[in-house]
C-alpha atoms as a PDB file:
ATOM      1  CA  MET A   1      -6.794  -7.859  27.831  1.00  0.00           C
ATOM      2  CA  THR A   2      -9.403  -9.446  25.589  1.00  0.00           C
ATOM      3  CA  GLN A   3     -13.003  -9.905  26.533  1.00  0.00           C
ATOM      4  CA  PRO A   4     -14.130 -13.524  26.859  1.00  0.00           C
ATOM      5  CA  ALA A   5     -16.449 -14.828  24.165  1.00  0.00           C
ATOM      6  CA  GLN A   6     -19.954 -15.359  25.459  1.00  0.00           C
ATOM      7  CA  ALA A   7     -21.574 -17.306  22.655  1.00  0.00           C
ATOM      8  CA  SER A   8     -24.514 -18.502  24.731  1.00  0.00           C
ATOM      9  CA  VAL A   9     -25.397 -15.018  25.994  1.00  0.00           C
ATOM     10  CA  GLY A  10     -25.783 -13.136  22.738  1.00  0.00           C
ATOM     11  CA  LEU A  11     -26.444  -9.447  22.943  1.00  0.00           C
ATOM     12  CA  TYR A  12     -28.320  -9.421  26.272  1.00  0.00           C
ATOM     13  CA  THR A  13     -28.551 -11.729  29.225  1.00  0.00           C
ATOM     14  CA  PRO A  14     -32.148 -12.423  30.288  1.00  0.00           C
ATOM     15  CA  GLU A  15     -31.744  -9.914  33.150  1.00  0.00           C
ATOM     16  CA  GLU A  16     -30.344  -7.240  30.824  1.00  0.00           C
ATOM     17  CA  ARG A  17     -33.216  -7.783  28.397  1.00  0.00           C
ATOM     18  CA  VAL A  18     -35.726  -7.198  31.226  1.00  0.00           C
ATOM     19  CA  ARG A  19     -33.930  -4.002  32.288  1.00  0.00           C
ATOM     20  CA  ARG A  20     -33.769  -2.860  28.643  1.00  0.00           C
ATOM     21  CA  ASP A  21     -37.494  -3.444  28.191  1.00  0.00           C
ATOM     22  CA  GLN A  22     -38.451  -1.713  31.457  1.00  0.00           C
ATOM     23  CA  THR A  23     -36.438   1.497  31.178  1.00  0.00           C
ATOM     24  CA  SER A  24     -37.827   4.604  29.497  1.00  0.00           C
ATOM     25  CA  TRP A  25     -34.306   5.278  28.196  1.00  0.00           C
ATOM     26  CA  THR A  26     -34.926   2.571  25.577  1.00  0.00           C
ATOM     27  CA  LEU A  27     -37.715   4.665  24.076  1.00  0.00           C
ATOM     28  CA  VAL A  28     -35.566   7.799  24.276  1.00  0.00           C
ATOM     29  CA  GLN A  29     -32.818   6.069  22.285  1.00  0.00           C
ATOM     30  CA  GLY A  30     -35.315   4.628  19.836  1.00  0.00           C
ATOM     31  CA  VAL A  31     -36.665   8.123  19.112  1.00  0.00           C
ATOM     32  CA  LEU A  32     -33.319   9.936  19.044  1.00  0.00           C
ATOM     33  CA  ALA A  33     -31.615   7.548  16.599  1.00  0.00           C
ATOM     34  CA  PRO A  34     -33.892   8.300  13.618  1.00  0.00           C
ATOM     35  CA  VAL A  35     -34.086  11.994  14.573  1.00  0.00           C
ATOM     36  CA  GLN A  36     -30.297  12.150  14.500  1.00  0.00           C
ATOM     37  CA  PHE A  37     -30.246  10.433  11.102  1.00  0.00           C
ATOM     38  CA  LEU A  38     -32.741  12.933   9.660  1.00  0.00           C
ATOM     39  CA  VAL A  39     -30.732  15.869  11.036  1.00  0.00           C
ATOM     40  CA  PHE A  40     -27.627  14.291   9.492  1.00  0.00           C
ATOM     41  CA  LEU A  41     -29.274  13.977   6.051  1.00  0.00           C
ATOM     42  CA  VAL A  42     -30.418  17.615   6.044  1.00  0.00           C
ATOM     43  CA  SER A  43     -27.040  18.834   7.241  1.00  0.00           C
ATOM     44  CA  LEU A  44     -25.165  16.681   4.737  1.00  0.00           C
ATOM     45  CA  GLY A  45     -27.245  18.189   1.947  1.00  0.00           C
ATOM     46  CA  LEU A  46     -26.473  21.715   3.146  1.00  0.00           C
ATOM     47  CA  VAL A  47     -22.745  20.993   3.476  1.00  0.00           C
ATOM     48  CA  LEU A  48     -22.618  19.446   0.000  1.00  0.00           C
ATOM     49  CA  ARG A  49     -24.513  22.435  -1.419  1.00  0.00           C
ATOM     50  CA  TYR A  50     -21.950  24.807   0.056  1.00  0.00           C
ATOM     51  CA  LEU A  51     -19.069  22.714  -1.254  1.00  0.00           C
ATOM     52  CA  ALA A  52     -20.633  22.499  -4.732  1.00  0.00           C
ATOM     53  CA  ASN A  53     -21.489  26.158  -5.273  1.00  0.00           C
ATOM     54  CA  GLY A  54     -20.341  28.204  -2.268  1.00  0.00           C
ATOM     55  CA  GLU A  55     -23.909  29.032  -1.206  1.00  0.00           C
ATOM     56  CA  GLY A  56     -25.454  28.673   2.225  1.00  0.00           C
ATOM     57  CA  TYR A  57     -22.402  28.691   4.472  1.00  0.00           C
ATOM     58  CA  GLN A  58     -24.240  30.014   7.545  1.00  0.00           C
ATOM     59  CA  ILE A  59     -27.129  27.540   7.315  1.00  0.00           C
ATOM     60  CA  ALA A  60     -24.640  24.707   6.780  1.00  0.00           C
ATOM     61  CA  VAL A  61     -22.762  25.783   9.917  1.00  0.00           C
ATOM     62  CA  VAL A  62     -25.993  25.934  11.934  1.00  0.00           C
ATOM     63  CA  SER A  63     -26.949  22.473  10.699  1.00  0.00           C
ATOM     64  CA  ILE A  64     -23.571  21.026  11.708  1.00  0.00           C
ATOM     65  CA  VAL A  65     -23.884  22.535  15.176  1.00  0.00           C
ATOM     66  CA  VAL A  66     -27.416  21.120  15.515  1.00  0.00           C
ATOM     67  CA  LYS A  67     -26.201  17.699  14.316  1.00  0.00           C
ATOM     68  CA  THR A  68     -23.394  17.812  16.882  1.00  0.00           C
ATOM     69  CA  LEU A  69     -25.773  18.749  19.704  1.00  0.00           C
ATOM     70  CA  VAL A  70     -28.096  15.890  18.751  1.00  0.00           C
ATOM     71  CA  LEU A  71     -25.065  13.568  18.703  1.00  0.00           C
ATOM     72  CA  TYR A  72     -24.068  14.695  22.209  1.00  0.00           C
ATOM     73  CA  THR A  73     -27.648  14.174  23.379  1.00  0.00           C
ATOM     74  CA  ILE A  74     -27.875  10.635  22.032  1.00  0.00           C
ATOM     75  CA  MET A  75     -24.459   9.778  23.456  1.00  0.00           C
ATOM     76  CA  ILE A  76     -25.312  11.083  26.933  1.00  0.00           C
ATOM     77  CA  THR A  77     -28.711   9.403  27.022  1.00  0.00           C
ATOM     78  CA  GLY A  78     -27.146   6.258  25.540  1.00  0.00           C
ATOM     79  CA  ALA A  79     -24.588   6.196  28.349  1.00  0.00           C
ATOM     80  CA  ILE A  80     -27.415   6.484  30.883  1.00  0.00           C
ATOM     81  CA  TRP A  81     -29.274   3.673  29.081  1.00  0.00           C
ATOM     82  CA  GLU A  82     -26.132   1.536  29.148  1.00  0.00           C
ATOM     83  CA  LYS A  83     -25.749   2.155  32.896  1.00  0.00           C
ATOM     84  CA  VAL A  84     -29.359   1.093  33.547  1.00  0.00           C
ATOM     85  CA  VAL A  85     -29.149  -2.025  31.374  1.00  0.00           C
ATOM     86  CA  PHE A  86     -25.532  -3.164  31.852  1.00  0.00           C
ATOM     87  CA  GLY A  87     -24.357  -1.390  35.013  1.00  0.00           C
ATOM     88  CA  VAL A  88     -21.681   0.742  33.288  1.00  0.00           C
ATOM     89  CA  TYR A  89     -21.910   4.090  31.539  1.00  0.00           C
ATOM     90  CA  LEU A  90     -19.759   3.091  28.577  1.00  0.00           C
ATOM     91  CA  PHE A  91     -17.971   0.090  27.087  1.00  0.00           C
ATOM     92  CA  ALA A  92     -20.429  -2.587  28.213  1.00  0.00           C
ATOM     93  CA  ARG A  93     -19.674  -6.027  26.782  1.00  0.00           C
ATOM     94  CA  PRO A  94     -22.151  -5.984  23.862  1.00  0.00           C
ATOM     95  CA  PHE A  95     -21.415  -2.380  22.856  1.00  0.00           C
ATOM     96  CA  TYR A  96     -17.706  -2.086  23.562  1.00  0.00           C
ATOM     97  CA  TRP A  97     -16.697  -1.515  19.922  1.00  0.00           C
ATOM     98  CA  GLU A  98     -19.623   0.819  19.212  1.00  0.00           C
ATOM     99  CA  ASP A  99     -18.575   2.951  22.152  1.00  0.00           C
ATOM    100  CA  MET A 100     -14.938   2.894  21.058  1.00  0.00           C
ATOM    101  CA  PHE A 101     -15.773   4.063  17.534  1.00  0.00           C
ATOM    102  CA  SER A 102     -18.294   6.574  18.882  1.00  0.00           C
ATOM    103  CA  MET A 103     -15.377   8.293  20.617  1.00  0.00           C
ATOM    104  CA  VAL A 104     -13.878   8.959  17.157  1.00  0.00           C
ATOM    105  CA  VAL A 105     -17.219  10.290  15.935  1.00  0.00           C
ATOM    106  CA  ILE A 106     -17.494  12.596  18.943  1.00  0.00           C
ATOM    107  CA  ALA A 107     -13.869  13.734  18.641  1.00  0.00           C
ATOM    108  CA  LEU A 108     -14.339  14.824  15.019  1.00  0.00           C
ATOM    109  CA  HIS A 109     -17.622  16.606  15.727  1.00  0.00           C
ATOM    110  CA  THR A 110     -16.015  18.334  18.724  1.00  0.00           C
ATOM    111  CA  ALA A 111     -12.991  19.325  16.616  1.00  0.00           C
ATOM    112  CA  TYR A 112     -15.441  21.033  14.265  1.00  0.00           C
ATOM    113  CA  LEU A 113     -16.933  23.054  17.139  1.00  0.00           C
ATOM    114  CA  VAL A 114     -13.458  24.007  18.381  1.00  0.00           C
ATOM    115  CA  ALA A 115     -12.480  25.131  14.881  1.00  0.00           C
ATOM    116  CA  LEU A 116     -15.698  27.110  14.590  1.00  0.00           C
ATOM    117  CA  VAL A 117     -15.138  28.936  17.869  1.00  0.00           C
ATOM    118  CA  THR A 118     -11.420  29.557  17.381  1.00  0.00           C
ATOM    119  CA  GLY A 119     -11.377  30.318  13.652  1.00  0.00           C
ATOM    120  CA  TRP A 120      -8.662  27.688  13.360  1.00  0.00           C
ATOM    121  CA  LEU A 121      -9.777  26.525   9.887  1.00  0.00           C
ATOM    122  CA  THR A 122     -11.028  28.181   6.710  1.00  0.00           C
ATOM    123  CA  PRO A 123     -14.681  27.692   5.760  1.00  0.00           C
ATOM    124  CA  MET A 124     -13.704  25.069   3.162  1.00  0.00           C
ATOM    125  CA  GLU A 125     -11.543  23.207   5.687  1.00  0.00           C
ATOM    126  CA  MET A 126     -14.387  23.338   8.199  1.00  0.00           C
ATOM    127  CA  MET A 127     -16.783  21.757   5.711  1.00  0.00           C
ATOM    128  CA  LEU A 128     -14.238  19.044   4.915  1.00  0.00           C
ATOM    129  CA  LEU A 129     -13.838  18.374   8.645  1.00  0.00           C
ATOM    130  CA  ALA A 130     -17.617  18.126   8.921  1.00  0.00           C
ATOM    131  CA  LEU A 131     -17.622  15.592   6.082  1.00  0.00           C
ATOM    132  CA  ALA A 132     -14.960  13.546   7.885  1.00  0.00           C
ATOM    133  CA  ALA A 133     -17.095  13.629  11.039  1.00  0.00           C
ATOM    134  CA  TYR A 134     -20.128  12.598   9.021  1.00  0.00           C
ATOM    135  CA  ALA A 135     -18.241   9.739   7.371  1.00  0.00           C
ATOM    136  CA  THR A 136     -17.401   8.301  10.791  1.00  0.00           C
ATOM    137  CA  TYR A 137     -21.032   8.738  11.833  1.00  0.00           C
ATOM    138  CA  VAL A 138     -22.183   6.770   8.769  1.00  0.00           C
ATOM    139  CA  ILE A 139     -19.701   3.966   9.502  1.00  0.00           C
ATOM    140  CA  ASN A 140     -20.966   3.817  13.079  1.00  0.00           C
ATOM    141  CA  ALA A 141     -24.609   3.781  11.925  1.00  0.00           C
ATOM    142  CA  VAL A 142     -23.914   0.954   9.458  1.00  0.00           C
ATOM    143  CA  GLN A 143     -22.196  -1.005  12.210  1.00  0.00           C
ATOM    144  CA  PHE A 144     -25.310  -0.610  14.342  1.00  0.00           C
ATOM    145  CA  ILE A 145     -27.624  -1.736  11.553  1.00  0.00           C
ATOM    146  CA  LEU A 146     -25.517  -4.865  11.020  1.00  0.00           C
ATOM    147  CA  LYS A 147     -25.591  -5.655  14.744  1.00  0.00           C
ATOM    148  CA  LEU A 148     -29.333  -5.040  14.934  1.00  0.00           C
ATOM    149  CA  ARG A 149     -29.880  -7.442  12.034  1.00  0.00           C
ATOM    150  CA  ALA A 150     -27.658 -10.101  13.600  1.00  0.00           C
ATOM    151  CA  ALA A 151     -29.410  -9.720  16.951  1.00  0.00           C
ATOM    152  CA  ARG A 152     -32.849 -10.054  15.363  1.00  0.00           C
ATOM    153  CA  LEU A 153     -31.781 -13.144  13.431  1.00  0.00           C
ATOM    154  CA  GLN A 154     -30.390 -14.618  16.622  1.00  0.00           C
ATOM    155  CA  ALA A 155     -33.571 -13.845  18.546  1.00  0.00           C
ATOM    156  CA  ALA A 156     -35.629 -15.446  15.771  1.00  0.00           C
ATOM    157  CA  GLY A 157     -33.419 -18.548  15.848  1.00  0.00           C
ATOM    158  CA  GLU A 158     -32.305 -18.018  12.244  1.00  0.00           C
ATOM    159  CA  ALA A 159     -28.624 -17.698  13.053  1.00  0.00           C
ATOM    160  CA  PRO A 160     -26.270 -19.541  15.360  1.00  0.00           C
ATOM    161  CA  LYS A 161     -25.623 -17.974  18.738  1.00  0.00           C
ATOM    162  CA  ALA A 162     -22.343 -16.302  17.795  1.00  0.00           C
ATOM    163  CA  PRO A 163     -20.801 -13.711  20.094  1.00  0.00           C
ATOM    164  CA  LEU A 164     -22.244 -10.395  18.932  1.00  0.00           C
ATOM    165  CA  ASN A 165     -19.637  -8.492  20.888  1.00  0.00           C
ATOM    166  CA  SER A 166     -16.687  -9.700  18.845  1.00  0.00           C
ATOM    167  CA  ALA A 167     -16.664  -7.057  16.089  1.00  0.00           C
ATOM    168  CA  PRO A 168     -17.341  -3.333  15.844  1.00  0.00           C
ATOM    169  CA  MET A 169     -20.994  -2.503  15.269  1.00  0.00           C
ATOM    170  CA  GLY A 170     -23.494   0.429  15.567  1.00  0.00           C
ATOM    171  CA  ILE A 171     -24.248   3.600  17.444  1.00  0.00           C
ATOM    172  CA  SER A 172     -27.652   3.324  19.092  1.00  0.00           C
ATOM    173  CA  ARG A 173     -27.733   0.704  21.791  1.00  0.00           C
ATOM    174  CA  SER A 174     -31.339   0.298  22.698  1.00  0.00           C
ATOM    175  CA  VAL A 175     -33.293  -1.033  19.797  1.00  0.00           C
ATOM    176  CA  ALA A 176     -31.149  -4.104  19.111  1.00  0.00           C
ATOM    177  CA  GLU A 177     -32.968  -7.224  20.268  1.00  0.00           C
END
């Protein structure tokens, strides 16, 4: 079943915008998104260092675990934010595709933790799995940035009111206007 296009609504209805602006979960998401990105950059550097010269395996592992915990935190708080603003914990109209792709991001990060605990993969395979998880995270972040830009242009009246829920976009839900 396809979702109906809602060209006149845009990203938020007026009521959803009020709820978004009034909830403290918007600030939580706005703080966690850049924190998660910084953790990602540090961890990516550590993973790449290990892959390049075999040094720093333990610190790379710790950084991946921290990145995964921050991801879980932003996803849980994002689901709460989505419930407050849209009335559902996941897959709200404007963020349906973000939530769908976020499930892939979470699955790969979780697979890393499972491999870590079970010893299922070699250290090199674990780092490659982490890179795959990070690649999906980057795709999701780029999708968000594109949606945020489109939403801001729409709010400023610089773009036609096209349905912003028609294509996959972003990871953080709260700061899009």
